[in-house]
Amino acid sequence: MLGFIGTGNMATAIIKGVLASGMLKSSEIAVCDICQEKAKALGAEYGVQVFSCAKEIAAGCDKVVLSVKPNVFPSLLGEIGSVLSENSPLIISIAAGKTLEFIAECLPYKARIVRVMPNINAKVGAAVSAYCGNENASADDLAFVKALCESFGIAVNIEQKLFSIYSAIGGCSPAFSYMFIDSLARAAVKNGMTKAQALEVAAGAVLGSAKMILESKEHPWSLVDQVCSPGGTTIEGVAALQSGSFEALVGEAVEAAYNKDKAL
């Protein structure tokens, strides 16, 4: 049984992805939330089991996903630590900024812990998720987490020291990408295209561009050069982005997100 403590956007996205992939059945997933109405609504929508409290999840599941706010971890793990110790489930954390060592120190036993950072695109089965385990996590534990992440996207095993920068370019970047796509669409609306059609075109172009990078294995700037004909339209746009410090602003956004993650 895979249990979720907390039913926020990310937990919901993961559950939706896991069920859509067929990796688990709804009867094999349980949820709880401090707001019972949220948990009940999730249970009604996806058919998953609804437990009354975190202690029930800790006692009744062999894999427990901690999907609460990072600042809640000390009090939550203090509350359920003894129950987790008795049951000894695999603990999967999706909290930003909380290291494997931090989680381990909050528990009264040597827990098997895997840290995961997915992104919101799990809702459509297209997330990229980073994961790493502590010394107590077995190969089977890591294999399960990898399969779990791959049920709603791509899974990347990285060193824990890289989690903060991963969070910035993997966890936060969907928001940056949404902003970029919307900016493209709004510019098209200014020039006569409907917003709906502009969003379809812009999102499709960005999706295809990402696929090109992943599948062609070519350097992004090599692909830029292939699109930029001498004296053509694309080079004019590229030059405008560069004069407006586009790349520098992206770098600043990543740096800001990175520093915030480090401070959590």
C-alpha atoms as a PDB file:
ATOM      1  CA  MET A   1       0.000   0.000   0.000  1.00  0.00           C
ATOM      2  CA  LEU A   2       1.310   3.421  -1.012  1.00  0.00           C
ATOM      3  CA  GLY A   3       0.187   6.085   1.448  1.00  0.00           C
ATOM      4  CA  PHE A   4       0.245   9.864   1.028  1.00  0.00           C
ATOM      5  CA  ILE A   5       0.358  12.192   4.002  1.00  0.00           C
ATOM      6  CA  GLY A   6      -0.867  15.434   2.481  1.00  0.00           C
ATOM      7  CA  THR A   7      -3.051  15.870  -0.600  1.00  0.00           C
ATOM      8  CA  GLY A   8      -1.742  19.034  -2.229  1.00  0.00           C
ATOM      9  CA  ASN A   9      -1.175  19.696  -5.916  1.00  0.00           C
ATOM     10  CA  MET A  10       1.943  17.525  -6.204  1.00  0.00           C
ATOM     11  CA  ALA A  11       0.484  14.535  -4.369  1.00  0.00           C
ATOM     12  CA  THR A  12      -2.628  14.766  -6.524  1.00  0.00           C
ATOM     13  CA  ALA A  13      -0.528  14.981  -9.687  1.00  0.00           C
ATOM     14  CA  ILE A  14       1.490  11.906  -8.714  1.00  0.00           C
ATOM     15  CA  ILE A  15      -1.619   9.902  -7.860  1.00  0.00           C
ATOM     16  CA  LYS A  16      -3.234  10.865 -11.151  1.00  0.00           C
ATOM     17  CA  GLY A  17      -0.104   9.862 -13.067  1.00  0.00           C
ATOM     18  CA  VAL A  18       0.358   6.563 -11.223  1.00  0.00           C
ATOM     19  CA  LEU A  19      -3.252   5.549 -11.791  1.00  0.00           C
ATOM     20  CA  ALA A  20      -3.219   6.606 -15.448  1.00  0.00           C
ATOM     21  CA  SER A  21      -0.109   4.509 -16.060  1.00  0.00           C
ATOM     22  CA  GLY A  22      -1.628   1.423 -14.457  1.00  0.00           C
ATOM     23  CA  MET A  23       1.333   0.961 -12.112  1.00  0.00           C
ATOM     24  CA  LEU A  24      -0.991   0.791  -9.104  1.00  0.00           C
ATOM     25  CA  LYS A  25      -4.723   0.351  -8.616  1.00  0.00           C
ATOM     26  CA  SER A  26      -6.758   2.871  -6.662  1.00  0.00           C
ATOM     27  CA  SER A  27      -7.258   0.240  -3.941  1.00  0.00           C
ATOM     28  CA  GLU A  28      -3.466   0.186  -3.467  1.00  0.00           C
ATOM     29  CA  ILE A  29      -3.265   3.908  -2.631  1.00  0.00           C
ATOM     30  CA  ALA A  30      -4.310   5.622   0.596  1.00  0.00           C
ATOM     31  CA  VAL A  31      -4.384   9.314   1.473  1.00  0.00           C
ATOM     32  CA  CYS A  32      -4.883  11.527   4.481  1.00  0.00           C
ATOM     33  CA  ASP A  33      -4.818  15.257   5.048  1.00  0.00           C
ATOM     34  CA  ILE A  34      -5.214  17.602   7.985  1.00  0.00           C
ATOM     35  CA  CYS A  35      -8.159  18.916   5.968  1.00  0.00           C
ATOM     36  CA  GLN A  36     -10.415  15.888   5.806  1.00  0.00           C
ATOM     37  CA  GLU A  37     -12.569  17.436   3.105  1.00  0.00           C
ATOM     38  CA  LYS A  38      -9.580  17.605   0.719  1.00  0.00           C
ATOM     39  CA  ALA A  39      -8.747  13.954   1.340  1.00  0.00           C
ATOM     40  CA  LYS A  40     -12.362  12.897   0.869  1.00  0.00           C
ATOM     41  CA  ALA A  41     -12.613  14.867  -2.370  1.00  0.00           C
ATOM     42  CA  LEU A  42      -9.475  13.144  -3.689  1.00  0.00           C
ATOM     43  CA  GLY A  43     -10.876   9.772  -2.646  1.00  0.00           C
ATOM     44  CA  ALA A  44     -14.135  10.480  -4.431  1.00  0.00           C
ATOM     45  CA  GLU A  45     -12.396  11.627  -7.610  1.00  0.00           C
ATOM     46  CA  TYR A  46      -9.834   8.832  -7.953  1.00  0.00           C
ATOM     47  CA  GLY A  47     -11.283   6.014  -5.852  1.00  0.00           C
ATOM     48  CA  VAL A  48      -8.299   5.864  -3.496  1.00  0.00           C
ATOM     49  CA  GLN A  49      -8.687   4.925   0.153  1.00  0.00           C
ATOM     50  CA  VAL A  50      -9.059   7.755   2.659  1.00  0.00           C
ATOM     51  CA  PHE A  51      -7.452   7.304   6.071  1.00  0.00           C
ATOM     52  CA  SER A  52      -8.379   9.490   9.020  1.00  0.00           C
ATOM     53  CA  CYS A  53      -4.903  10.590  10.097  1.00  0.00           C
ATOM     54  CA  ALA A  54      -1.160  10.387   9.479  1.00  0.00           C
ATOM     55  CA  LYS A  55      -0.712   7.668  12.115  1.00  0.00           C
ATOM     56  CA  GLU A  56      -3.065   5.397  10.171  1.00  0.00           C
ATOM     57  CA  ILE A  57      -0.991   5.899   7.027  1.00  0.00           C
ATOM     58  CA  ALA A  58       2.208   5.244   8.992  1.00  0.00           C
ATOM     59  CA  ALA A  59       0.797   2.022  10.436  1.00  0.00           C
ATOM     60  CA  GLY A  60      -1.074   0.700   7.408  1.00  0.00           C
ATOM     61  CA  CYS A  61       1.224   1.365   4.439  1.00  0.00           C
ATOM     62  CA  ASP A  62       4.529  -0.230   3.454  1.00  0.00           C
ATOM     63  CA  LYS A  63       5.484   2.905   1.485  1.00  0.00           C
ATOM     64  CA  VAL A  64       4.735   6.380   2.843  1.00  0.00           C
ATOM     65  CA  VAL A  65       4.969   9.578   0.799  1.00  0.00           C
ATOM     66  CA  LEU A  66       5.549  12.715   2.858  1.00  0.00           C
ATOM     67  CA  SER A  67       3.799  15.362   0.775  1.00  0.00           C
ATOM     68  CA  VAL A  68       3.394  18.160   3.306  1.00  0.00           C
ATOM     69  CA  LYS A  69       5.068  21.567   3.550  1.00  0.00           C
ATOM     70  CA  PRO A  70       8.746  21.422   4.558  1.00  0.00           C
ATOM     71  CA  ASN A  71       8.141  23.380   7.782  1.00  0.00           C
ATOM     72  CA  VAL A  72       5.681  20.701   8.966  1.00  0.00           C
ATOM     73  CA  PHE A  73       8.253  17.884   8.919  1.00  0.00           C
ATOM     74  CA  PRO A  74       9.582  18.181  12.500  1.00  0.00           C
ATOM     75  CA  SER A  75       6.138  18.147  14.122  1.00  0.00           C
ATOM     76  CA  LEU A  76       4.715  15.518  11.760  1.00  0.00           C
ATOM     77  CA  LEU A  77       7.615  13.091  12.135  1.00  0.00           C
ATOM     78  CA  GLY A  78       7.671  13.676  15.873  1.00  0.00           C
ATOM     79  CA  GLU A  79       4.003  12.698  15.976  1.00  0.00           C
ATOM     80  CA  ILE A  80       4.246   9.540  13.850  1.00  0.00           C
ATOM     81  CA  GLY A  81       7.872   8.504  14.436  1.00  0.00           C
ATOM     82  CA  SER A  82       7.106   5.708  16.893  1.00  0.00           C
ATOM     83  CA  VAL A  83       4.449   4.245  14.568  1.00  0.00           C
ATOM     84  CA  LEU A  84       6.831   4.400  11.604  1.00  0.00           C
ATOM     85  CA  SER A  85       9.462   2.671  13.748  1.00  0.00           C
ATOM     86  CA  GLU A  86       7.115  -0.250  14.416  1.00  0.00           C
ATOM     87  CA  ASN A  87       6.004  -0.606  10.784  1.00  0.00           C
ATOM     88  CA  SER A  88       9.315   0.408   9.111  1.00  0.00           C
ATOM     89  CA  PRO A  89       7.883   1.486   5.726  1.00  0.00           C
ATOM     90  CA  LEU A  90       9.884   2.999   2.908  1.00  0.00           C
ATOM     91  CA  ILE A  91       9.676   6.770   3.393  1.00  0.00           C
ATOM     92  CA  ILE A  92       9.506   8.908   0.265  1.00  0.00           C
ATOM     93  CA  SER A  93       9.841  12.667   0.706  1.00  0.00           C
ATOM     94  CA  ILE A  94       8.823  15.147  -1.978  1.00  0.00           C
ATOM     95  CA  ALA A  95       9.586  18.235   0.131  1.00  0.00           C
ATOM     96  CA  ALA A  96      11.892  20.913  -1.219  1.00  0.00           C
ATOM     97  CA  GLY A  97      14.950  21.727   0.848  1.00  0.00           C
ATOM     98  CA  LYS A  98      14.717  18.880   3.376  1.00  0.00           C
ATOM     99  CA  THR A  99      17.719  16.567   3.107  1.00  0.00           C
ATOM    100  CA  LEU A 100      17.873  12.860   3.769  1.00  0.00           C
ATOM    101  CA  GLU A 101      19.910  13.637   6.889  1.00  0.00           C
ATOM    102  CA  PHE A 102      17.324  16.129   8.161  1.00  0.00           C
ATOM    103  CA  ILE A 103      14.507  13.608   7.777  1.00  0.00           C
ATOM    104  CA  ALA A 104      16.566  10.851   9.414  1.00  0.00           C
ATOM    105  CA  GLU A 105      17.328  13.065  12.409  1.00  0.00           C
ATOM    106  CA  CYS A 106      13.592  13.629  12.935  1.00  0.00           C
ATOM    107  CA  LEU A 107      12.985   9.896  13.311  1.00  0.00           C
ATOM    108  CA  PRO A 108      13.754   7.591  16.273  1.00  0.00           C
ATOM    109  CA  TYR A 109      15.088   4.717  14.134  1.00  0.00           C
ATOM    110  CA  LYS A 110      17.218   4.022  11.067  1.00  0.00           C
ATOM    111  CA  ALA A 111      14.666   4.583   8.349  1.00  0.00           C
ATOM    112  CA  ARG A 112      14.813   3.722   4.659  1.00  0.00           C
ATOM    113  CA  ILE A 113      14.421   7.119   3.023  1.00  0.00           C
ATOM    114  CA  VAL A 114      14.294   8.208  -0.600  1.00  0.00           C
ATOM    115  CA  ARG A 115      14.090  11.841  -1.531  1.00  0.00           C
ATOM    116  CA  VAL A 116      12.173  12.711  -4.689  1.00  0.00           C
ATOM    117  CA  MET A 117      11.587  15.999  -6.449  1.00  0.00           C
ATOM    118  CA  PRO A 118       8.973  15.718  -9.217  1.00  0.00           C
ATOM    119  CA  ASN A 119       7.387  18.611 -11.048  1.00  0.00           C
ATOM    120  CA  ILE A 120       3.792  19.587 -11.682  1.00  0.00           C
ATOM    121  CA  ASN A 121       3.795  18.102 -15.196  1.00  0.00           C
ATOM    122  CA  ALA A 122       3.135  14.782 -13.465  1.00  0.00           C
ATOM    123  CA  LYS A 123      -0.513  15.751 -13.976  1.00  0.00           C
ATOM    124  CA  VAL A 124      -0.149  14.951 -17.681  1.00  0.00           C
ATOM    125  CA  GLY A 125       2.380  12.128 -17.323  1.00  0.00           C
ATOM    126  CA  ALA A 126       5.266  14.328 -18.454  1.00  0.00           C
ATOM    127  CA  ALA A 127       7.172  15.181 -15.269  1.00  0.00           C
ATOM    128  CA  VAL A 128      10.904  15.048 -14.787  1.00  0.00           C
ATOM    129  CA  SER A 129      11.753  13.767 -11.305  1.00  0.00           C
ATOM    130  CA  ALA A 130      15.067  13.530  -9.472  1.00  0.00           C
ATOM    131  CA  TYR A 131      15.598  10.973  -6.724  1.00  0.00           C
ATOM    132  CA  CYS A 132      18.261   9.691  -4.334  1.00  0.00           C
ATOM    133  CA  GLY A 133      18.257   7.392  -1.301  1.00  0.00           C
ATOM    134  CA  ASN A 134      20.047   7.195   2.030  1.00  0.00           C
ATOM    135  CA  GLU A 135      22.350   4.355   3.079  1.00  0.00           C
ATOM    136  CA  ASN A 136      19.428   2.337   4.454  1.00  0.00           C
ATOM    137  CA  ALA A 137      17.429   2.383   1.212  1.00  0.00           C
ATOM    138  CA  SER A 138      17.819  -0.873  -0.689  1.00  0.00           C
ATOM    139  CA  ALA A 139      18.225  -1.427  -4.407  1.00  0.00           C
ATOM    140  CA  ASP A 140      14.597  -2.586  -4.454  1.00  0.00           C
ATOM    141  CA  ASP A 141      13.511   0.636  -2.743  1.00  0.00           C
ATOM    142  CA  LEU A 142      15.286   2.729  -5.365  1.00  0.00           C
ATOM    143  CA  ALA A 143      13.898   0.570  -8.160  1.00  0.00           C
ATOM    144  CA  PHE A 144      10.368   1.117  -6.846  1.00  0.00           C
ATOM    145  CA  VAL A 145      10.845   4.883  -6.675  1.00  0.00           C
ATOM    146  CA  LYS A 146      12.329   4.939 -10.174  1.00  0.00           C
ATOM    147  CA  ALA A 147       9.331   3.004 -11.497  1.00  0.00           C
ATOM    148  CA  LEU A 148       6.970   5.267  -9.563  1.00  0.00           C
ATOM    149  CA  CYS A 149       8.519   8.380 -11.115  1.00  0.00           C
ATOM    150  CA  GLU A 150       8.598   6.825 -14.582  1.00  0.00           C
ATOM    151  CA  SER A 151       4.883   6.118 -14.325  1.00  0.00           C
ATOM    152  CA  PHE A 152       4.305   9.861 -14.718  1.00  0.00           C
ATOM    153  CA  GLY A 153       7.375  10.983 -16.667  1.00  0.00           C
ATOM    154  CA  ILE A 154      11.177  10.803 -16.614  1.00  0.00           C
ATOM    155  CA  ALA A 155      13.246   9.743 -13.579  1.00  0.00           C
ATOM    156  CA  VAL A 156      16.816  10.925 -12.986  1.00  0.00           C
ATOM    157  CA  ASN A 157      19.025   9.545 -10.203  1.00  0.00           C
ATOM    158  CA  ILE A 158      21.264  12.376  -8.939  1.00  0.00           C
ATOM    159  CA  GLU A 159      23.523  13.090  -5.996  1.00  0.00           C
ATOM    160  CA  GLN A 160      21.788  14.829  -3.123  1.00  0.00           C
ATOM    161  CA  LYS A 161      24.179  17.804  -3.330  1.00  0.00           C
ATOM    162  CA  LEU A 162      22.610  18.602  -6.728  1.00  0.00           C
ATOM    163  CA  PHE A 163      19.014  18.693  -5.466  1.00  0.00           C
ATOM    164  CA  SER A 164      18.860  22.448  -4.958  1.00  0.00           C
ATOM    165  CA  ILE A 165      19.984  23.226  -8.493  1.00  0.00           C
ATOM    166  CA  TYR A 166      17.773  20.435  -9.829  1.00  0.00           C
ATOM    167  CA  SER A 167      14.810  22.030  -8.023  1.00  0.00           C
ATOM    168  CA  ALA A 168      15.531  25.290  -9.810  1.00  0.00           C
ATOM    169  CA  ILE A 169      15.800  23.869 -13.346  1.00  0.00           C
ATOM    170  CA  GLY A 170      13.488  20.871 -12.983  1.00  0.00           C
ATOM    171  CA  GLY A 171      10.963  21.808 -10.327  1.00  0.00           C
ATOM    172  CA  CYS A 172      10.564  25.545 -10.938  1.00  0.00           C
ATOM    173  CA  SER A 173      11.138  25.682 -14.678  1.00  0.00           C
ATOM    174  CA  PRO A 174       7.622  24.581 -15.657  1.00  0.00           C
ATOM    175  CA  ALA A 175       6.403  27.919 -14.277  1.00  0.00           C
ATOM    176  CA  PHE A 176       9.095  29.732 -16.271  1.00  0.00           C
ATOM    177  CA  SER A 177       8.090  27.775 -19.383  1.00  0.00           C
ATOM    178  CA  TYR A 178       4.404  28.541 -18.878  1.00  0.00           C
ATOM    179  CA  MET A 179       5.295  32.232 -18.675  1.00  0.00           C
ATOM    180  CA  PHE A 180       7.358  32.023 -21.866  1.00  0.00           C
ATOM    181  CA  ILE A 181       4.566  30.248 -23.748  1.00  0.00           C
ATOM    182  CA  ASP A 182       1.999  32.775 -22.564  1.00  0.00           C
ATOM    183  CA  SER A 183       4.281  35.649 -23.584  1.00  0.00           C
ATOM    184  CA  LEU A 184       4.579  34.179 -27.082  1.00  0.00           C
ATOM    185  CA  ALA A 185       0.820  33.796 -27.286  1.00  0.00           C
ATOM    186  CA  ARG A 186       0.121  37.345 -26.084  1.00  0.00           C
ATOM    187  CA  ALA A 187       2.475  38.713 -28.717  1.00  0.00           C
ATOM    188  CA  ALA A 188       0.544  36.754 -31.339  1.00  0.00           C
ATOM    189  CA  VAL A 189      -2.768  38.119 -30.016  1.00  0.00           C
ATOM    190  CA  LYS A 190      -1.352  41.632 -30.437  1.00  0.00           C
ATOM    191  CA  ASN A 191      -0.843  40.783 -34.090  1.00  0.00           C
ATOM    192  CA  GLY A 192      -4.299  39.366 -34.772  1.00  0.00           C
ATOM    193  CA  MET A 193      -4.330  35.705 -33.682  1.00  0.00           C
ATOM    194  CA  THR A 194      -6.858  34.444 -31.144  1.00  0.00           C
ATOM    195  CA  LYS A 195      -5.462  33.575 -27.709  1.00  0.00           C
ATOM    196  CA  ALA A 196      -6.636  29.969 -27.908  1.00  0.00           C
ATOM    197  CA  GLN A 197      -5.006  29.403 -31.271  1.00  0.00           C
ATOM    198  CA  ALA A 198      -1.863  31.261 -30.212  1.00  0.00           C
ATOM    199  CA  LEU A 199      -1.486  29.087 -27.102  1.00  0.00           C
ATOM    200  CA  GLU A 200      -1.901  25.934 -29.172  1.00  0.00           C
ATOM    201  CA  VAL A 201       0.806  27.072 -31.602  1.00  0.00           C
ATOM    202  CA  ALA A 202       3.227  28.341 -28.938  1.00  0.00           C
ATOM    203  CA  ALA A 203       2.845  25.324 -26.640  1.00  0.00           C
ATOM    204  CA  GLY A 204       3.182  22.926 -29.556  1.00  0.00           C
ATOM    205  CA  ALA A 205       6.321  24.660 -30.781  1.00  0.00           C
ATOM    206  CA  VAL A 206       7.927  24.575 -27.312  1.00  0.00           C
ATOM    207  CA  LEU A 207       6.968  20.920 -26.866  1.00  0.00           C
ATOM    208  CA  GLY A 208       8.518  20.033 -30.221  1.00  0.00           C
ATOM    209  CA  SER A 209      11.640  22.048 -29.436  1.00  0.00           C
ATOM    210  CA  ALA A 210      12.167  20.159 -26.184  1.00  0.00           C
ATOM    211  CA  LYS A 211      11.686  16.875 -28.027  1.00  0.00           C
ATOM    212  CA  MET A 212      14.235  17.957 -30.624  1.00  0.00           C
ATOM    213  CA  ILE A 213      16.885  18.620 -27.959  1.00  0.00           C
ATOM    214  CA  LEU A 214      16.244  15.308 -26.199  1.00  0.00           C
ATOM    215  CA  GLU A 215      16.151  13.168 -29.327  1.00  0.00           C
ATOM    216  CA  SER A 216      18.610  14.842 -31.689  1.00  0.00           C
ATOM    217  CA  LYS A 217      21.344  15.088 -29.012  1.00  0.00           C
ATOM    218  CA  GLU A 218      22.485  18.276 -30.726  1.00  0.00           C
ATOM    219  CA  HIS A 219      23.612  21.305 -28.737  1.00  0.00           C
ATOM    220  CA  PRO A 220      20.791  23.853 -28.361  1.00  0.00           C
ATOM    221  CA  TRP A 221      22.861  26.583 -30.019  1.00  0.00           C
ATOM    222  CA  SER A 222      23.520  24.319 -32.984  1.00  0.00           C
ATOM    223  CA  LEU A 223      19.748  24.009 -33.374  1.00  0.00           C
ATOM    224  CA  VAL A 224      19.365  27.780 -33.014  1.00  0.00           C
ATOM    225  CA  ASP A 225      21.844  28.268 -35.856  1.00  0.00           C
ATOM    226  CA  GLN A 226      19.888  25.826 -38.036  1.00  0.00           C
ATOM    227  CA  VAL A 227      16.724  27.916 -37.636  1.00  0.00           C
ATOM    228  CA  CYS A 228      18.435  31.271 -38.181  1.00  0.00           C
ATOM    229  CA  SER A 229      18.687  31.956 -41.911  1.00  0.00           C
ATOM    230  CA  PRO A 230      20.980  34.872 -42.892  1.00  0.00           C
ATOM    231  CA  GLY A 231      18.952  38.075 -42.873  1.00  0.00           C
ATOM    232  CA  GLY A 232      15.831  36.133 -41.864  1.00  0.00           C
ATOM    233  CA  THR A 233      13.078  36.559 -39.305  1.00  0.00           C
ATOM    234  CA  THR A 234      14.410  34.217 -36.608  1.00  0.00           C
ATOM    235  CA  ILE A 235      17.792  35.923 -36.253  1.00  0.00           C
ATOM    236  CA  GLU A 236      15.972  39.231 -35.763  1.00  0.00           C
ATOM    237  CA  GLY A 237      14.009  37.729 -32.881  1.00  0.00           C
ATOM    238  CA  VAL A 238      17.084  36.049 -31.388  1.00  0.00           C
ATOM    239  CA  ALA A 239      19.000  39.324 -31.520  1.00  0.00           C
ATOM    240  CA  ALA A 240      16.107  41.092 -29.780  1.00  0.00           C
ATOM    241  CA  LEU A 241      16.087  38.491 -26.985  1.00  0.00           C
ATOM    242  CA  GLN A 242      19.823  38.863 -26.507  1.00  0.00           C
ATOM    243  CA  SER A 243      19.681  42.656 -26.452  1.00  0.00           C
ATOM    244  CA  GLY A 244      16.984  42.367 -23.780  1.00  0.00           C
ATOM    245  CA  SER A 245      19.214  40.126 -21.626  1.00  0.00           C
ATOM    246  CA  PHE A 246      16.939  37.102 -22.049  1.00  0.00           C
ATOM    247  CA  GLU A 247      19.635  34.571 -21.113  1.00  0.00           C
ATOM    248  CA  ALA A 248      20.812  36.656 -18.151  1.00  0.00           C
ATOM    249  CA  LEU A 249      17.258  36.932 -16.800  1.00  0.00           C
ATOM    250  CA  VAL A 250      16.771  33.170 -17.055  1.00  0.00           C
ATOM    251  CA  GLY A 251      20.041  32.702 -15.191  1.00  0.00           C
ATOM    252  CA  GLU A 252      18.883  35.127 -12.492  1.00  0.00           C
ATOM    253  CA  ALA A 253      15.575  33.263 -12.117  1.00  0.00           C
ATOM    254  CA  VAL A 254      17.407  29.951 -11.680  1.00  0.00           C
ATOM    255  CA  GLU A 255      19.821  31.508  -9.176  1.00  0.00           C
ATOM    256  CA  ALA A 256      16.947  32.986  -7.142  1.00  0.00           C
ATOM    257  CA  ALA A 257      15.130  29.647  -7.016  1.00  0.00           C
ATOM    258  CA  TYR A 258      18.382  27.833  -6.136  1.00  0.00           C
ATOM    259  CA  ASN A 259      19.156  30.206  -3.265  1.00  0.00           C
ATOM    260  CA  LYS A 260      15.624  29.917  -1.894  1.00  0.00           C
ATOM    261  CA  ASP A 261      15.812  26.115  -1.937  1.00  0.00           C
ATOM    262  CA  LYS A 262      19.140  26.218  -0.090  1.00  0.00           C
ATOM    263  CA  ALA A 263      17.569  28.445   2.561  1.00  0.00           C
ATOM    264  CA  LEU A 264      14.575  26.182   3.256  1.00  0.00           C
END
